[in-house]
Amino acid sequence: MIHPFAARWRQRRRSPYRILLPLWMAMWVVLALLTSPWRAAEVYRSVWAWLAAAAFFAAGVWLYTLSGRAFSLAQLGGLPEVLTGNREQRLVMHGLRSHVRHPVYLAHLCEMVAWSVGTGLAVCWSLTAFAILTGTIMIRLEDRELEARFGDQYRAYRRRVGAVIPRRGPSSQL
């Protein structure tokens, strides 16, 4: 909802989050209602699956923590993309972001996989697949917007660093 319309959101006098937050909440309610008939459908049931899920949960928390180190809360919340006159326009390419361009998306994915693996619920696996599809689209839109903002610097960064899967080769240490 943000990246394809970033220029439009910047033209608004008031914060776009007055519209975006209710839309996001409505989206979650609609998804909950649409998936409710399959809420109890299990692909499998295993207490041991929670061990693997715990590893994904831990990885997600670790990634969220590292993602916030070089980013301000404004950047994590997408404010530079949507607010007119926002002065915070810096491209962060060190730390975790020297390995993956979109670590927050990777952290989200780890958390969703954790719930899917742990519960074995068909609805969790379906929503994880849906998140991968929509996340791929969002990453492409975000990359396009970042390229427009940062130009050649971002294009070089994009060639060097994977979106959510680290590439092999030299990069800085975590």
Protein backbone atom coordinates (compact mmCIF):
# COMPACT_ATOMS: atom_id res chain seq x y z
CA MET A 1 0.00 0.00 0.00
CA ILE A 2 2.97 2.33 0.42
CA HIS A 3 5.62 1.79 -2.24
CA PRO A 4 3.53 1.90 -5.42
CA PHE A 5 1.95 5.14 -4.22
CA ALA A 6 4.83 6.74 -2.28
CA ALA A 7 4.70 9.98 -4.29
CA ARG A 8 0.95 10.21 -3.77
CA TRP A 9 1.26 9.69 -0.01
CA ARG A 10 3.92 12.44 0.16
CA GLN A 11 1.48 14.93 -1.41
CA ARG A 12 -0.99 14.58 1.47
CA ARG A 13 -1.04 17.27 4.14
CA ARG A 14 -1.88 14.82 6.91
CA SER A 15 -0.10 11.63 7.85
CA PRO A 16 -0.96 8.80 5.45
CA TYR A 17 -1.00 6.46 8.42
CA ARG A 18 -4.46 7.84 9.28
CA ILE A 19 -5.59 5.86 6.21
CA LEU A 20 -2.98 3.09 6.06
CA LEU A 21 -3.33 1.78 9.62
CA PRO A 22 -7.12 1.25 9.40
CA LEU A 23 -6.64 -0.36 5.97
CA TRP A 24 -4.00 -2.76 7.34
CA MET A 25 -6.27 -3.64 10.28
CA ALA A 26 -9.20 -4.20 7.93
CA MET A 27 -7.01 -6.45 5.77
CA TRP A 28 -6.18 -8.63 8.81
CA VAL A 29 -9.85 -8.87 9.79
CA VAL A 30 -10.84 -9.85 6.23
CA LEU A 31 -8.06 -12.49 6.11
CA ALA A 32 -9.15 -13.87 9.49
CA LEU A 33 -12.75 -14.13 8.29
CA LEU A 34 -11.78 -15.70 4.95
CA THR A 35 -9.55 -18.33 6.57
CA SER A 36 -11.78 -19.12 9.57
CA PRO A 37 -13.40 -22.22 7.98
CA TRP A 38 -9.95 -23.87 7.80
CA ARG A 39 -8.64 -22.74 11.17
CA ALA A 40 -8.58 -26.28 12.60
CA ALA A 41 -7.45 -28.18 9.46
CA GLU A 42 -4.13 -29.83 10.26
CA VAL A 43 -1.53 -30.98 7.76
CA TYR A 44 0.18 -32.85 10.62
CA ARG A 45 0.39 -32.84 14.40
CA SER A 46 3.67 -33.27 16.25
CA VAL A 47 4.92 -31.96 19.55
CA TRP A 48 8.45 -32.31 18.15
CA ALA A 49 7.68 -29.80 15.38
CA TRP A 50 7.80 -27.08 18.03
CA LEU A 51 11.55 -27.67 18.40
CA ALA A 52 12.12 -26.67 14.79
CA ALA A 53 9.59 -23.85 15.22
CA ALA A 54 11.56 -22.54 18.21
CA ALA A 55 14.64 -22.20 16.01
CA PHE A 56 12.66 -20.17 13.44
CA PHE A 57 11.15 -17.99 16.20
CA ALA A 58 14.63 -17.33 17.62
CA ALA A 59 16.00 -16.50 14.15
CA GLY A 60 13.12 -14.07 13.57
CA VAL A 61 13.67 -12.29 16.90
CA TRP A 62 17.42 -12.11 16.23
CA LEU A 63 16.79 -10.65 12.76
CA TYR A 64 14.28 -8.09 14.10
CA THR A 65 16.82 -7.03 16.73
CA LEU A 66 19.66 -6.65 14.21
CA SER A 67 17.34 -4.88 11.75
CA GLY A 68 16.64 -2.14 14.24
CA ARG A 69 20.29 -1.43 15.07
CA ALA A 70 21.11 0.77 12.08
CA PHE A 71 17.58 2.00 11.43
CA SER A 72 15.62 4.62 13.28
CA LEU A 73 12.03 3.93 14.29
CA ALA A 74 10.98 6.34 11.54
CA GLN A 75 12.81 4.24 8.95
CA LEU A 76 11.40 0.98 10.30
CA GLY A 77 7.92 2.52 10.12
CA GLY A 78 8.38 3.72 6.54
CA LEU A 79 8.17 7.45 7.31
CA PRO A 80 10.87 8.53 4.82
CA GLU A 81 8.79 6.97 2.05
CA VAL A 82 5.52 8.72 2.86
CA LEU A 83 6.08 12.02 4.65
CA THR A 84 6.71 15.22 2.73
CA GLY A 85 9.84 17.04 3.79
CA ASN A 86 11.20 14.10 5.75
CA ARG A 87 14.90 14.82 6.06
CA GLU A 88 15.98 11.28 6.89
CA GLN A 89 17.12 10.03 3.50
CA ARG A 90 20.03 7.68 4.06
CA LEU A 91 20.80 4.30 2.58
CA VAL A 92 21.96 1.82 5.22
CA MET A 93 24.23 -0.85 3.76
CA HIS A 94 26.23 -2.07 6.77
CA GLY A 95 25.66 -4.60 9.54
CA LEU A 96 22.89 -7.07 8.72
CA ARG A 97 22.02 -5.07 5.60
CA SER A 98 25.43 -5.92 4.14
CA HIS A 99 24.09 -9.49 3.89
CA VAL A 100 20.40 -8.98 3.02
CA ARG A 101 18.66 -5.85 1.70
CA HIS A 102 15.32 -6.57 3.39
CA PRO A 103 16.01 -8.21 6.76
CA VAL A 104 12.62 -7.27 8.23
CA TYR A 105 10.88 -9.26 5.48
CA LEU A 106 13.19 -12.18 6.29
CA ALA A 107 12.33 -11.86 9.99
CA HIS A 108 8.60 -11.86 9.15
CA LEU A 109 9.12 -14.97 7.04
CA CYS A 110 10.96 -16.75 9.87
CA GLU A 111 8.10 -16.00 12.27
CA MET A 112 5.46 -17.20 9.80
CA VAL A 113 7.40 -20.39 9.06
CA ALA A 114 7.76 -20.93 12.81
CA TRP A 115 3.99 -20.81 13.32
CA SER A 116 3.43 -23.03 10.28
CA VAL A 117 5.98 -25.66 11.33
CA GLY A 118 4.89 -25.63 14.97
CA THR A 119 1.14 -25.79 14.51
CA GLY A 120 1.01 -27.88 11.35
CA LEU A 121 -2.14 -25.96 10.43
CA ALA A 122 -3.06 -25.76 6.75
CA VAL A 123 -4.17 -22.15 7.19
CA CYS A 124 -0.74 -21.15 8.55
CA TRP A 125 1.01 -22.81 5.61
CA SER A 126 -1.41 -21.13 3.19
CA LEU A 127 -0.87 -17.71 4.73
CA THR A 128 2.90 -18.26 4.65
CA ALA A 129 2.69 -19.07 0.93
CA PHE A 130 0.52 -15.97 0.42
CA ALA A 131 3.07 -13.88 2.35
CA ILE A 132 5.90 -15.17 0.16
CA LEU A 133 3.97 -14.20 -2.97
CA THR A 134 2.96 -10.75 -1.72
CA GLY A 135 6.37 -10.20 -0.11
CA THR A 136 8.06 -10.84 -3.45
CA ILE A 137 5.87 -8.17 -5.02
CA MET A 138 6.44 -5.73 -2.14
CA ILE A 139 10.21 -6.20 -2.32
CA ARG A 140 10.21 -5.44 -6.05
CA LEU A 141 8.12 -2.31 -5.48
CA GLU A 142 10.33 -1.23 -2.58
CA ASP A 143 13.48 -1.84 -4.63
CA ARG A 144 12.05 0.31 -7.44
CA GLU A 145 11.23 3.12 -4.99
CA LEU A 146 14.66 2.93 -3.32
CA GLU A 147 16.35 2.97 -6.72
CA ALA A 148 14.42 6.12 -7.61
CA ARG A 149 15.52 7.74 -4.32
CA PHE A 150 19.16 6.62 -4.21
CA GLY A 151 20.02 5.93 -7.88
CA ASP A 152 23.35 4.34 -8.77
CA GLN A 153 24.30 3.80 -5.14
CA TYR A 154 21.25 1.57 -4.63
CA ARG A 155 21.69 -0.21 -7.98
CA ALA A 156 25.26 -1.20 -6.99
CA TYR A 157 24.04 -2.30 -3.54
CA ARG A 158 21.26 -4.35 -5.11
CA ARG A 159 23.72 -6.15 -7.42
CA ARG A 160 25.97 -6.97 -4.47
CA VAL A 161 23.44 -7.96 -1.76
CA GLY A 162 20.53 -10.42 -1.96
CA ALA A 163 16.99 -9.33 -1.14
CA VAL A 164 16.29 -11.86 1.64
CA ILE A 165 18.74 -14.69 0.93
CA PRO A 166 22.40 -13.80 1.57
CA ARG A 167 24.68 -14.21 -1.42
CA ARG A 168 28.01 -15.96 -1.19
CA GLY A 169 31.06 -13.77 -1.33
CA PRO A 170 32.85 -11.12 0.68
CA SER A 171 30.77 -8.81 2.85
CA SER A 172 31.05 -7.18 6.23
CA GLN A 173 30.64 -9.11 9.47
CA LEU A 174 27.42 -9.16 11.51
